[in-house]
Amino acid sequence: MKLAFAGAGTISVVHAIAAAATETKICAVASRTPERSAERASQVGAESVTYDALPAGADAVVVCTPPDRHAADTLHALRAGAVVMVEKPLAATLEEADRLVEAGGQVLYAENLAFSPLVVAANQLVAQIGAPRFIEIRQLSPRPTWGAFLDPARGGGVLFDLGSHAIALALLLAGSDPAIGVHATLEHAADSEVDDTAEVFIDFASGLRARIETNWTNPDAIWDLQVSSDTGVVRTELVPQPGIELNGEPVVLPALTRDTDPHIEQLGYIDQMLTLRDVVNGAPSPIDARFGRRVLEVISAAYAAARTPGATVALPFTGLRNRTPHQLWSDTVGP
């Protein structure tokens, strides 16, 4: 598999490490800034190109540009005949997400935690304890010091960015149980317009409820999840120290298989890259644009709900699809 990158930011480094660990060749890198593109290309042994030149001979394009570019960059790569892996969140608005779903083609939604050996093992244990009654997922982190995460034009704050992982995990753990409503509380710091603290409750048709807590205010990163049923509890810690427990007892962790940074494998980037290779070779995408749109739909409903204290927004979301999540929350947005 030959790979090209649309975007040369921090996440492209992680994908490059995963590519190297799976002996995947990177042949081209594009960026808004030629200097950034040239720098990343030289680091991975690729050619620096413009966005228009993609896929530049590659079989697959990894779209890791800012969210407001995801739709355009993905559609360009699909029209050129490439398979696409698009970073989360899928797009900046549901209208853009709709276009990606309608475009067809092979799109792998880059929810790396869906491919994490820890999450896969935890999901297998969840199947053993019976129908989940409550899911709790926490993703607490310091404020990012890179990128334009605090720019409202990007689409949203911590729930839009970091929280997209947690919402995806909640939907995956719920399986075929459809989400029917969302309640959310968002807060932002005095020096920022976008949310940096979020608490979200997702209600499912069976009566299952998921609580998601995410922030950019924690001094240290803590990522964990817990699933409870009438007969058992599965707890998984992803960051800082990987671990799995079943009913309070430690479970042997999945063995690492690659000679690389263990966090890259534990957080799913290795298996995600191998899955992309399978998709290039004709396999259906297990986590596709439709799933990415489902995640964005819950995110959009959460931001809309947070606009009115105590409100619950029903799913499927029927609000404005041409607004970013931040705009759905902000009081300054017109009709």
C-alpha atoms as a PDB file:
ATOM      1  CA  MET A   1       0.000   0.000   0.000  1.00  0.00           C
ATOM      2  CA  LYS A   2       1.222   3.455  -0.938  1.00  0.00           C
ATOM      3  CA  LEU A   3       0.035   6.257   1.307  1.00  0.00           C
ATOM      4  CA  ALA A   4      -0.322  10.026   0.906  1.00  0.00           C
ATOM      5  CA  PHE A   5      -1.014  12.586   3.625  1.00  0.00           C
ATOM      6  CA  ALA A   6      -3.364  15.541   3.213  1.00  0.00           C
ATOM      7  CA  GLY A   7      -2.098  17.605   6.121  1.00  0.00           C
ATOM      8  CA  ALA A   8       1.236  17.716   7.883  1.00  0.00           C
ATOM      9  CA  GLY A   9       0.295  18.565  11.464  1.00  0.00           C
ATOM     10  CA  THR A  10       0.946  16.712  14.703  1.00  0.00           C
ATOM     11  CA  ILE A  11      -1.384  13.775  14.005  1.00  0.00           C
ATOM     12  CA  SER A  12       0.437  13.087  10.734  1.00  0.00           C
ATOM     13  CA  VAL A  13       3.490  12.189  12.831  1.00  0.00           C
ATOM     14  CA  VAL A  14       1.470   9.512  14.633  1.00  0.00           C
ATOM     15  CA  HIS A  15       0.185   8.088  11.350  1.00  0.00           C
ATOM     16  CA  ALA A  16       3.752   8.128  10.002  1.00  0.00           C
ATOM     17  CA  ILE A  17       4.947   6.071  12.998  1.00  0.00           C
ATOM     18  CA  ALA A  18       2.109   3.584  12.397  1.00  0.00           C
ATOM     19  CA  ALA A  19       3.000   3.434   8.712  1.00  0.00           C
ATOM     20  CA  ALA A  20       6.640   2.698   9.496  1.00  0.00           C
ATOM     21  CA  ALA A  21       5.669  -0.012  11.997  1.00  0.00           C
ATOM     22  CA  THR A  22       3.526  -1.738   9.353  1.00  0.00           C
ATOM     23  CA  GLU A  23       6.055  -1.237   6.522  1.00  0.00           C
ATOM     24  CA  THR A  24       3.687   1.068   4.678  1.00  0.00           C
ATOM     25  CA  LYS A  25       5.309   3.466   2.216  1.00  0.00           C
ATOM     26  CA  ILE A  26       4.409   7.154   2.358  1.00  0.00           C
ATOM     27  CA  CYS A  27       4.902   8.621  -1.105  1.00  0.00           C
ATOM     28  CA  ALA A  28       3.456  12.150  -0.847  1.00  0.00           C
ATOM     29  CA  VAL A  29       2.624  14.862   1.701  1.00  0.00           C
ATOM     30  CA  ALA A  30       0.545  18.005   1.111  1.00  0.00           C
ATOM     31  CA  SER A  31      -0.050  20.934   3.448  1.00  0.00           C
ATOM     32  CA  ARG A  32      -1.423  24.470   3.377  1.00  0.00           C
ATOM     33  CA  THR A  33       2.133  25.588   4.092  1.00  0.00           C
ATOM     34  CA  PRO A  34       4.769  24.423   1.578  1.00  0.00           C
ATOM     35  CA  GLU A  35       7.457  24.647   4.259  1.00  0.00           C
ATOM     36  CA  ARG A  36       5.495  22.315   6.569  1.00  0.00           C
ATOM     37  CA  SER A  37       4.811  19.919   3.707  1.00  0.00           C
ATOM     38  CA  ALA A  38       8.476  19.840   2.707  1.00  0.00           C
ATOM     39  CA  GLU A  39       9.578  19.285   6.302  1.00  0.00           C
ATOM     40  CA  ARG A  40       7.230  16.350   6.898  1.00  0.00           C
ATOM     41  CA  ALA A  41       7.958  14.847   3.482  1.00  0.00           C
ATOM     42  CA  SER A  42      11.693  14.881   4.159  1.00  0.00           C
ATOM     43  CA  GLN A  43      11.121  13.166   7.499  1.00  0.00           C
ATOM     44  CA  VAL A  44       9.174  10.268   5.982  1.00  0.00           C
ATOM     45  CA  GLY A  45      10.987   9.914   2.667  1.00  0.00           C
ATOM     46  CA  ALA A  46       8.112  11.265   0.566  1.00  0.00           C
ATOM     47  CA  GLU A  47       7.534  13.943  -2.062  1.00  0.00           C
ATOM     48  CA  SER A  48       6.107  17.316  -1.079  1.00  0.00           C
ATOM     49  CA  VAL A  49       3.087  18.106  -3.287  1.00  0.00           C
ATOM     50  CA  THR A  50       0.080  20.414  -3.432  1.00  0.00           C
ATOM     51  CA  TYR A  51      -3.405  19.324  -2.389  1.00  0.00           C
ATOM     52  CA  ASP A  52      -4.509  19.331  -6.020  1.00  0.00           C
ATOM     53  CA  ALA A  53      -1.808  16.786  -6.870  1.00  0.00           C
ATOM     54  CA  LEU A  54      -3.131  14.183  -4.425  1.00  0.00           C
ATOM     55  CA  PRO A  55      -3.265  11.212  -4.378  1.00  0.00           C
ATOM     56  CA  ALA A  56       0.015  11.562  -6.279  1.00  0.00           C
ATOM     57  CA  GLY A  57       0.232   7.864  -7.065  1.00  0.00           C
ATOM     58  CA  ALA A  58      -0.916   6.661  -3.650  1.00  0.00           C
ATOM     59  CA  ASP A  59      -3.529   3.970  -3.076  1.00  0.00           C
ATOM     60  CA  ALA A  60      -4.915   5.726  -0.007  1.00  0.00           C
ATOM     61  CA  VAL A  61      -4.981   9.287   1.312  1.00  0.00           C
ATOM     62  CA  VAL A  62      -4.975  10.030   5.035  1.00  0.00           C
ATOM     63  CA  VAL A  63      -6.930  13.257   5.531  1.00  0.00           C
ATOM     64  CA  CYS A  64      -5.498  14.912   8.638  1.00  0.00           C
ATOM     65  CA  THR A  65      -6.227  18.528   7.810  1.00  0.00           C
ATOM     66  CA  PRO A  66      -8.404  20.713  10.100  1.00  0.00           C
ATOM     67  CA  PRO A  67     -12.067  19.579  10.285  1.00  0.00           C
ATOM     68  CA  ASP A  68     -13.331  22.373   8.049  1.00  0.00           C
ATOM     69  CA  ARG A  69     -11.211  20.895   5.219  1.00  0.00           C
ATOM     70  CA  HIS A  70     -12.138  17.246   5.766  1.00  0.00           C
ATOM     71  CA  ALA A  71     -15.067  17.179   3.357  1.00  0.00           C
ATOM     72  CA  ALA A  72     -13.273  18.904   0.471  1.00  0.00           C
ATOM     73  CA  ASP A  73     -10.069  16.896   0.869  1.00  0.00           C
ATOM     74  CA  THR A  74     -11.926  13.587   1.194  1.00  0.00           C
ATOM     75  CA  LEU A  75     -14.125  14.249  -1.844  1.00  0.00           C
ATOM     76  CA  HIS A  76     -11.081  15.229  -3.915  1.00  0.00           C
ATOM     77  CA  ALA A  77      -9.286  11.996  -3.034  1.00  0.00           C
ATOM     78  CA  LEU A  78     -12.381   9.871  -3.696  1.00  0.00           C
ATOM     79  CA  ARG A  79     -12.891  11.476  -7.117  1.00  0.00           C
ATOM     80  CA  ALA A  80      -9.273  10.632  -7.911  1.00  0.00           C
ATOM     81  CA  GLY A  81      -9.969   6.977  -7.159  1.00  0.00           C
ATOM     82  CA  ALA A  82      -8.187   6.684  -3.814  1.00  0.00           C
ATOM     83  CA  VAL A  83      -9.330   5.019  -0.620  1.00  0.00           C
ATOM     84  CA  VAL A  84      -9.546   7.619   2.165  1.00  0.00           C
ATOM     85  CA  MET A  85      -8.917   7.488   5.882  1.00  0.00           C
ATOM     86  CA  VAL A  86     -10.321  10.703   7.342  1.00  0.00           C
ATOM     87  CA  GLU A  87      -9.443  11.949  10.810  1.00  0.00           C
ATOM     88  CA  LYS A  88     -12.060  12.671  13.424  1.00  0.00           C
ATOM     89  CA  PRO A  89     -14.373  14.478  13.601  1.00  0.00           C
ATOM     90  CA  LEU A  90     -15.638  13.501  10.160  1.00  0.00           C
ATOM     91  CA  ALA A  91     -16.506  17.064   9.111  1.00  0.00           C
ATOM     92  CA  ALA A  92     -17.294  20.502  10.492  1.00  0.00           C
ATOM     93  CA  THR A  93     -21.052  20.289   9.827  1.00  0.00           C
ATOM     94  CA  LEU A  94     -23.642  17.575   9.297  1.00  0.00           C
ATOM     95  CA  GLU A  95     -24.301  18.985   5.830  1.00  0.00           C
ATOM     96  CA  GLU A  96     -20.682  18.223   4.907  1.00  0.00           C
ATOM     97  CA  ALA A  97     -20.944  14.790   6.533  1.00  0.00           C
ATOM     98  CA  ASP A  98     -24.029  14.100   4.397  1.00  0.00           C
ATOM     99  CA  ARG A  99     -22.026  14.855   1.256  1.00  0.00           C
ATOM    100  CA  LEU A 100     -19.324  12.393   2.280  1.00  0.00           C
ATOM    101  CA  VAL A 101     -21.844   9.627   2.900  1.00  0.00           C
ATOM    102  CA  GLU A 102     -23.625  10.319  -0.398  1.00  0.00           C
ATOM    103  CA  ALA A 103     -20.313  10.312  -2.311  1.00  0.00           C
ATOM    104  CA  GLY A 104     -19.808   6.606  -1.760  1.00  0.00           C
ATOM    105  CA  GLY A 105     -16.335   5.176  -2.245  1.00  0.00           C
ATOM    106  CA  GLN A 106     -14.232   3.557   0.436  1.00  0.00           C
ATOM    107  CA  VAL A 107     -13.837   5.770   3.500  1.00  0.00           C
ATOM    108  CA  LEU A 108     -12.304   4.590   6.769  1.00  0.00           C
ATOM    109  CA  TYR A 109     -13.261   6.875   9.645  1.00  0.00           C
ATOM    110  CA  ALA A 110     -10.096   7.276  11.714  1.00  0.00           C
ATOM    111  CA  GLU A 111     -11.454   6.489  15.172  1.00  0.00           C
ATOM    112  CA  ASN A 112      -8.230   4.892  16.361  1.00  0.00           C
ATOM    113  CA  LEU A 113      -9.653   3.800  19.720  1.00  0.00           C
ATOM    114  CA  ALA A 114     -12.090   1.524  17.893  1.00  0.00           C
ATOM    115  CA  PHE A 115      -9.013  -0.459  16.834  1.00  0.00           C
ATOM    116  CA  SER A 116      -7.267  -0.371  20.209  1.00  0.00           C
ATOM    117  CA  PRO A 117      -6.448  -3.899  21.458  1.00  0.00           C
ATOM    118  CA  LEU A 118      -7.495  -2.694  24.917  1.00  0.00           C
ATOM    119  CA  VAL A 119     -10.910  -1.538  23.698  1.00  0.00           C
ATOM    120  CA  VAL A 120     -11.419  -4.695  21.608  1.00  0.00           C
ATOM    121  CA  ALA A 121     -10.598  -6.861  24.655  1.00  0.00           C
ATOM    122  CA  ALA A 122     -12.903  -4.795  26.871  1.00  0.00           C
ATOM    123  CA  ASN A 123     -15.743  -5.111  24.356  1.00  0.00           C
ATOM    124  CA  GLN A 124     -15.340  -8.890  24.386  1.00  0.00           C
ATOM    125  CA  LEU A 125     -15.651  -8.866  28.178  1.00  0.00           C
ATOM    126  CA  VAL A 126     -18.723  -6.642  27.973  1.00  0.00           C
ATOM    127  CA  ALA A 127     -20.360  -9.339  25.868  1.00  0.00           C
ATOM    128  CA  GLN A 128     -19.824 -11.743  28.775  1.00  0.00           C
ATOM    129  CA  ILE A 129     -21.514  -9.641  31.467  1.00  0.00           C
ATOM    130  CA  GLY A 130     -24.818  -9.182  29.697  1.00  0.00           C
ATOM    131  CA  ALA A 131     -26.689  -6.156  28.443  1.00  0.00           C
ATOM    132  CA  PRO A 132     -25.000  -2.908  29.553  1.00  0.00           C
ATOM    133  CA  ARG A 133     -27.032  -0.618  31.791  1.00  0.00           C
ATOM    134  CA  PHE A 134     -24.555   2.232  32.227  1.00  0.00           C
ATOM    135  CA  ILE A 135     -21.434   3.369  30.372  1.00  0.00           C
ATOM    136  CA  GLU A 136     -19.063   5.979  31.761  1.00  0.00           C
ATOM    137  CA  ILE A 137     -16.190   7.351  29.701  1.00  0.00           C
ATOM    138  CA  ARG A 138     -13.706  10.001  30.802  1.00  0.00           C
ATOM    139  CA  GLN A 139     -11.187  11.817  28.632  1.00  0.00           C
ATOM    140  CA  LEU A 140      -9.495  14.459  30.724  1.00  0.00           C
ATOM    141  CA  SER A 141      -6.440  16.300  29.434  1.00  0.00           C
ATOM    142  CA  PRO A 142      -4.488  19.535  29.674  1.00  0.00           C
ATOM    143  CA  ARG A 143      -5.316  22.229  27.123  1.00  0.00           C
ATOM    144  CA  PRO A 144      -3.513  21.544  23.821  1.00  0.00           C
ATOM    145  CA  THR A 145      -0.564  23.817  23.172  1.00  0.00           C
ATOM    146  CA  TRP A 146      -0.419  23.212  19.416  1.00  0.00           C
ATOM    147  CA  GLY A 147      -2.801  23.767  16.516  1.00  0.00           C
ATOM    148  CA  ALA A 148      -5.859  26.028  16.334  1.00  0.00           C
ATOM    149  CA  PHE A 149      -8.008  24.100  18.802  1.00  0.00           C
ATOM    150  CA  LEU A 150      -9.272  27.297  20.455  1.00  0.00           C
ATOM    151  CA  ASP A 151     -10.460  28.860  17.179  1.00  0.00           C
ATOM    152  CA  PRO A 152     -14.297  28.749  16.993  1.00  0.00           C
ATOM    153  CA  ALA A 153     -14.051  28.519  13.204  1.00  0.00           C
ATOM    154  CA  ARG A 154     -12.601  25.034  13.625  1.00  0.00           C
ATOM    155  CA  GLY A 155     -16.044  23.795  14.642  1.00  0.00           C
ATOM    156  CA  GLY A 156     -16.010  23.372  18.399  1.00  0.00           C
ATOM    157  CA  GLY A 157     -13.897  22.826  21.478  1.00  0.00           C
ATOM    158  CA  VAL A 158     -13.073  19.858  23.664  1.00  0.00           C
ATOM    159  CA  LEU A 159     -16.299  17.935  23.017  1.00  0.00           C
ATOM    160  CA  PHE A 160     -15.939  18.372  19.250  1.00  0.00           C
ATOM    161  CA  ASP A 161     -12.313  17.250  19.309  1.00  0.00           C
ATOM    162  CA  LEU A 162     -11.368  15.007  22.230  1.00  0.00           C
ATOM    163  CA  GLY A 163     -14.962  14.106  23.048  1.00  0.00           C
ATOM    164  CA  SER A 164     -15.516  12.631  19.604  1.00  0.00           C
ATOM    165  CA  HIS A 165     -13.453   9.627  20.763  1.00  0.00           C
ATOM    166  CA  ALA A 166     -15.643   9.088  23.811  1.00  0.00           C
ATOM    167  CA  ILE A 167     -18.903   9.412  21.877  1.00  0.00           C
ATOM    168  CA  ALA A 168     -17.645   6.932  19.275  1.00  0.00           C
ATOM    169  CA  LEU A 169     -16.765   4.444  22.020  1.00  0.00           C
ATOM    170  CA  ALA A 170     -20.195   4.849  23.629  1.00  0.00           C
ATOM    171  CA  LEU A 171     -21.904   4.114  20.315  1.00  0.00           C
ATOM    172  CA  LEU A 172     -19.664   1.115  19.659  1.00  0.00           C
ATOM    173  CA  LEU A 173     -20.206  -0.316  23.143  1.00  0.00           C
ATOM    174  CA  ALA A 174     -23.971   0.136  22.756  1.00  0.00           C
ATOM    175  CA  GLY A 175     -23.895  -2.011  19.616  1.00  0.00           C
ATOM    176  CA  SER A 176     -27.218  -2.071  17.756  1.00  0.00           C
ATOM    177  CA  ASP A 177     -28.993  -0.177  20.566  1.00  0.00           C
ATOM    178  CA  PRO A 178     -29.902   3.191  18.955  1.00  0.00           C
ATOM    179  CA  ALA A 179     -29.222   6.504  20.709  1.00  0.00           C
ATOM    180  CA  ILE A 180     -32.468   8.435  21.148  1.00  0.00           C
ATOM    181  CA  GLY A 181     -31.565  11.568  23.126  1.00  0.00           C
ATOM    182  CA  VAL A 182     -28.725  13.763  24.375  1.00  0.00           C
ATOM    183  CA  HIS A 183     -28.330  16.103  27.353  1.00  0.00           C
ATOM    184  CA  ALA A 184     -25.178  18.196  27.765  1.00  0.00           C
ATOM    185  CA  THR A 185     -23.504  20.875  29.846  1.00  0.00           C
ATOM    186  CA  LEU A 186     -20.619  22.862  28.339  1.00  0.00           C
ATOM    187  CA  GLU A 187     -18.331  25.467  29.860  1.00  0.00           C
ATOM    188  CA  HIS A 188     -15.520  27.622  28.524  1.00  0.00           C
ATOM    189  CA  ALA A 189     -12.633  29.499  30.088  1.00  0.00           C
ATOM    190  CA  ALA A 190     -12.544  33.295  30.281  1.00  0.00           C
ATOM    191  CA  ASP A 191      -9.802  33.443  27.641  1.00  0.00           C
ATOM    192  CA  SER A 192     -11.552  31.186  25.128  1.00  0.00           C
ATOM    193  CA  GLU A 193     -14.842  31.092  23.211  1.00  0.00           C
ATOM    194  CA  VAL A 194     -14.889  27.321  22.719  1.00  0.00           C
ATOM    195  CA  ASP A 195     -15.865  24.755  25.331  1.00  0.00           C
ATOM    196  CA  ASP A 196     -13.097  23.326  27.487  1.00  0.00           C
ATOM    197  CA  THR A 197     -15.304  21.260  29.845  1.00  0.00           C
ATOM    198  CA  ALA A 198     -18.188  19.003  28.851  1.00  0.00           C
ATOM    199  CA  GLU A 199     -20.535  16.527  30.483  1.00  0.00           C
ATOM    200  CA  VAL A 200     -22.821  14.593  28.155  1.00  0.00           C
ATOM    201  CA  PHE A 201     -25.534  12.003  28.795  1.00  0.00           C
ATOM    202  CA  ILE A 202     -26.691   9.806  25.914  1.00  0.00           C
ATOM    203  CA  ASP A 203     -29.924   7.831  26.288  1.00  0.00           C
ATOM    204  CA  PHE A 204     -30.457   4.651  24.266  1.00  0.00           C
ATOM    205  CA  ALA A 205     -33.674   2.895  23.273  1.00  0.00           C
ATOM    206  CA  SER A 206     -33.124  -0.036  25.667  1.00  0.00           C
ATOM    207  CA  GLY A 207     -32.795   2.238  28.699  1.00  0.00           C
ATOM    208  CA  LEU A 208     -28.986   2.142  28.586  1.00  0.00           C
ATOM    209  CA  ARG A 209     -27.424   5.475  29.519  1.00  0.00           C
ATOM    210  CA  ALA A 210     -23.892   6.714  28.788  1.00  0.00           C
ATOM    211  CA  ARG A 211     -22.142   9.494  30.680  1.00  0.00           C
ATOM    212  CA  ILE A 212     -19.204  11.224  29.018  1.00  0.00           C
ATOM    213  CA  GLU A 213     -16.895  13.641  30.782  1.00  0.00           C
ATOM    214  CA  THR A 214     -14.182  15.429  28.870  1.00  0.00           C
ATOM    215  CA  ASN A 215     -12.075  18.514  29.487  1.00  0.00           C
ATOM    216  CA  TRP A 216      -8.959  20.468  28.645  1.00  0.00           C
ATOM    217  CA  THR A 217      -8.483  21.579  32.259  1.00  0.00           C
ATOM    218  CA  ASN A 218      -6.946  18.509  33.892  1.00  0.00           C
ATOM    219  CA  PRO A 219      -3.247  18.773  34.815  1.00  0.00           C
ATOM    220  CA  ASP A 220      -2.633  15.213  33.563  1.00  0.00           C
ATOM    221  CA  ALA A 221      -4.246  13.042  30.896  1.00  0.00           C
ATOM    222  CA  ILE A 222      -6.727  10.439  32.177  1.00  0.00           C
ATOM    223  CA  TRP A 223      -8.648   8.313  29.684  1.00  0.00           C
ATOM    224  CA  ASP A 224     -10.783   5.458  30.998  1.00  0.00           C
ATOM    225  CA  LEU A 225     -14.113   3.739  30.524  1.00  0.00           C
ATOM    226  CA  GLN A 226     -16.416   1.581  32.612  1.00  0.00           C
ATOM    227  CA  VAL A 227     -19.369  -0.536  31.510  1.00  0.00           C
ATOM    228  CA  SER A 228     -21.875  -1.913  34.032  1.00  0.00           C
ATOM    229  CA  SER A 229     -24.589  -4.533  33.615  1.00  0.00           C
ATOM    230  CA  ASP A 230     -26.871  -6.263  36.116  1.00  0.00           C
ATOM    231  CA  THR A 231     -24.211  -8.943  36.641  1.00  0.00           C
ATOM    232  CA  GLY A 232     -20.795  -7.336  36.183  1.00  0.00           C
ATOM    233  CA  VAL A 233     -18.493  -4.407  35.585  1.00  0.00           C
ATOM    234  CA  VAL A 234     -15.720  -4.000  33.004  1.00  0.00           C
ATOM    235  CA  ARG A 235     -13.241  -1.183  33.550  1.00  0.00           C
ATOM    236  CA  THR A 236     -10.518  -0.164  31.110  1.00  0.00           C
ATOM    237  CA  GLU A 237      -7.784   2.426  31.543  1.00  0.00           C
ATOM    238  CA  LEU A 238      -6.154   3.703  28.370  1.00  0.00           C
ATOM    239  CA  VAL A 239      -4.062   6.600  29.700  1.00  0.00           C
ATOM    240  CA  PRO A 240      -1.787   6.967  31.596  1.00  0.00           C
ATOM    241  CA  GLN A 241      -1.347   3.284  32.505  1.00  0.00           C
ATOM    242  CA  PRO A 242      -3.106   0.659  30.363  1.00  0.00           C
ATOM    243  CA  GLY A 243      -5.212  -1.816  32.315  1.00  0.00           C
ATOM    244  CA  ILE A 244      -8.409  -3.883  32.221  1.00  0.00           C
ATOM    245  CA  GLU A 245     -10.485  -5.184  35.126  1.00  0.00           C
ATOM    246  CA  LEU A 246     -13.450  -7.548  35.231  1.00  0.00           C
ATOM    247  CA  ASN A 247     -15.475  -7.228  38.434  1.00  0.00           C
ATOM    248  CA  GLY A 248     -12.490  -5.610  40.140  1.00  0.00           C
ATOM    249  CA  GLU A 249      -9.983  -8.298  39.122  1.00  0.00           C
ATOM    250  CA  PRO A 250      -7.120  -7.481  36.731  1.00  0.00           C
ATOM    251  CA  VAL A 251      -7.247  -9.051  33.272  1.00  0.00           C
ATOM    252  CA  VAL A 252      -4.145  -9.964  31.284  1.00  0.00           C
ATOM    253  CA  LEU A 253      -3.549  -7.273  28.672  1.00  0.00           C
ATOM    254  CA  PRO A 254      -3.327  -8.108  24.957  1.00  0.00           C
ATOM    255  CA  ALA A 255       0.273  -8.736  23.897  1.00  0.00           C
ATOM    256  CA  LEU A 256       2.018  -6.046  21.873  1.00  0.00           C
ATOM    257  CA  THR A 257       3.117  -7.235  18.439  1.00  0.00           C
ATOM    258  CA  ARG A 258       5.161  -4.347  16.994  1.00  0.00           C
ATOM    259  CA  ASP A 259       8.541  -2.878  17.745  1.00  0.00           C
ATOM    260  CA  THR A 260       7.366   0.693  18.162  1.00  0.00           C
ATOM    261  CA  ASP A 261       6.124   3.116  20.826  1.00  0.00           C
ATOM    262  CA  PRO A 262       3.697   0.936  22.848  1.00  0.00           C
ATOM    263  CA  HIS A 263       1.195   3.785  23.119  1.00  0.00           C
ATOM    264  CA  ILE A 264       0.862   3.885  19.324  1.00  0.00           C
ATOM    265  CA  GLU A 265      -0.223   0.243  19.341  1.00  0.00           C
ATOM    266  CA  GLN A 266      -2.292   0.384  22.534  1.00  0.00           C
ATOM    267  CA  LEU A 267      -4.260   3.379  21.252  1.00  0.00           C
ATOM    268  CA  GLY A 268      -5.132   1.523  18.047  1.00  0.00           C
ATOM    269  CA  TYR A 269      -3.024   3.273  15.415  1.00  0.00           C
ATOM    270  CA  ILE A 270      -1.232   0.091  14.296  1.00  0.00           C
ATOM    271  CA  ASP A 271      -4.389  -1.987  13.780  1.00  0.00           C
ATOM    272  CA  GLN A 272      -6.053   1.023  12.178  1.00  0.00           C
ATOM    273  CA  MET A 273      -3.269   1.209   9.592  1.00  0.00           C
ATOM    274  CA  LEU A 274      -3.529  -2.542   8.948  1.00  0.00           C
ATOM    275  CA  THR A 275      -7.287  -2.153   8.509  1.00  0.00           C
ATOM    276  CA  LEU A 276      -6.714   0.619   5.974  1.00  0.00           C
ATOM    277  CA  ARG A 277      -4.503  -1.806   4.050  1.00  0.00           C
ATOM    278  CA  ASP A 278      -7.345  -4.352   4.086  1.00  0.00           C
ATOM    279  CA  VAL A 279      -9.749  -1.735   2.741  1.00  0.00           C
ATOM    280  CA  VAL A 280      -7.318  -0.861  -0.060  1.00  0.00           C
ATOM    281  CA  ASN A 281      -7.237  -4.569  -0.897  1.00  0.00           C
ATOM    282  CA  GLY A 282     -11.025  -4.674  -1.234  1.00  0.00           C
ATOM    283  CA  ALA A 283     -12.355  -5.338   2.261  1.00  0.00           C
ATOM    284  CA  PRO A 284     -15.340  -3.237   3.403  1.00  0.00           C
ATOM    285  CA  SER A 285     -14.545  -0.445   5.829  1.00  0.00           C
ATOM    286  CA  PRO A 286     -15.614  -1.514   9.348  1.00  0.00           C
ATOM    287  CA  ILE A 287     -15.766   2.091  10.623  1.00  0.00           C
ATOM    288  CA  ASP A 288     -16.957   4.232   7.731  1.00  0.00           C
ATOM    289  CA  ALA A 289     -18.335   7.672   6.889  1.00  0.00           C
ATOM    290  CA  ARG A 290     -21.804   6.653   8.063  1.00  0.00           C
ATOM    291  CA  PHE A 291     -20.428   5.895  11.509  1.00  0.00           C
ATOM    292  CA  GLY A 292     -18.484   9.162  11.518  1.00  0.00           C
ATOM    293  CA  ARG A 293     -21.725  10.983  10.712  1.00  0.00           C
ATOM    294  CA  ARG A 294     -23.474   9.219  13.616  1.00  0.00           C
ATOM    295  CA  VAL A 295     -20.753  10.491  15.948  1.00  0.00           C
ATOM    296  CA  LEU A 296     -21.057  14.032  14.580  1.00  0.00           C
ATOM    297  CA  GLU A 297     -24.840  13.850  14.909  1.00  0.00           C
ATOM    298  CA  VAL A 298     -24.541  13.117  18.639  1.00  0.00           C
ATOM    299  CA  ILE A 299     -21.947  15.889  19.002  1.00  0.00           C
ATOM    300  CA  SER A 300     -24.208  18.378  17.212  1.00  0.00           C
ATOM    301  CA  ALA A 301     -27.196  17.378  19.344  1.00  0.00           C
ATOM    302  CA  ALA A 302     -25.094  17.789  22.497  1.00  0.00           C
ATOM    303  CA  TYR A 303     -24.015  21.310  21.571  1.00  0.00           C
ATOM    304  CA  ALA A 304     -27.604  22.206  20.688  1.00  0.00           C
ATOM    305  CA  ALA A 305     -28.840  20.790  23.996  1.00  0.00           C
ATOM    306  CA  ALA A 306     -26.207  22.707  25.965  1.00  0.00           C
ATOM    307  CA  ARG A 307     -27.615  25.974  24.625  1.00  0.00           C
ATOM    308  CA  THR A 308     -30.657  25.550  26.912  1.00  0.00           C
ATOM    309  CA  PRO A 309     -29.875  24.399  30.495  1.00  0.00           C
ATOM    310  CA  GLY A 310     -31.618  21.127  31.277  1.00  0.00           C
ATOM    311  CA  ALA A 311     -32.733  20.510  27.694  1.00  0.00           C
ATOM    312  CA  THR A 312     -32.651  17.127  25.989  1.00  0.00           C
ATOM    313  CA  VAL A 313     -32.337  16.972  22.217  1.00  0.00           C
ATOM    314  CA  ALA A 314     -33.842  13.962  20.467  1.00  0.00           C
ATOM    315  CA  LEU A 315     -31.974  11.750  18.026  1.00  0.00           C
ATOM    316  CA  PRO A 316     -31.960  11.539  15.063  1.00  0.00           C
ATOM    317  CA  PHE A 317     -30.981  15.218  15.119  1.00  0.00           C
ATOM    318  CA  THR A 318     -33.415  17.480  13.263  1.00  0.00           C
ATOM    319  CA  GLY A 319     -31.648  20.813  13.794  1.00  0.00           C
ATOM    320  CA  LEU A 320     -29.707  22.946  11.334  1.00  0.00           C
ATOM    321  CA  ARG A 321     -27.237  20.814   9.393  1.00  0.00           C
ATOM    322  CA  ASN A 322     -25.250  23.728   7.958  1.00  0.00           C
ATOM    323  CA  ARG A 323     -24.013  24.885  11.382  1.00  0.00           C
ATOM    324  CA  THR A 324     -20.909  23.745  13.204  1.00  0.00           C
ATOM    325  CA  PRO A 325     -21.416  22.322  16.681  1.00  0.00           C
ATOM    326  CA  HIS A 326     -19.985  25.531  18.162  1.00  0.00           C
ATOM    327  CA  GLN A 327     -22.516  27.584  16.206  1.00  0.00           C
ATOM    328  CA  LEU A 328     -25.358  25.369  17.443  1.00  0.00           C
ATOM    329  CA  TRP A 329     -24.280  26.223  20.999  1.00  0.00           C
ATOM    330  CA  SER A 330     -23.300  29.871  20.653  1.00  0.00           C
ATOM    331  CA  ASP A 331     -25.895  32.500  21.577  1.00  0.00           C
ATOM    332  CA  THR A 332     -24.462  34.832  18.925  1.00  0.00           C
ATOM    333  CA  VAL A 333     -25.606  32.685  16.000  1.00  0.00           C
ATOM    334  CA  GLY A 334     -28.647  33.834  14.061  1.00  0.00           C
ATOM    335  CA  PRO A 335     -31.355  31.645  12.474  1.00  0.00           C
END
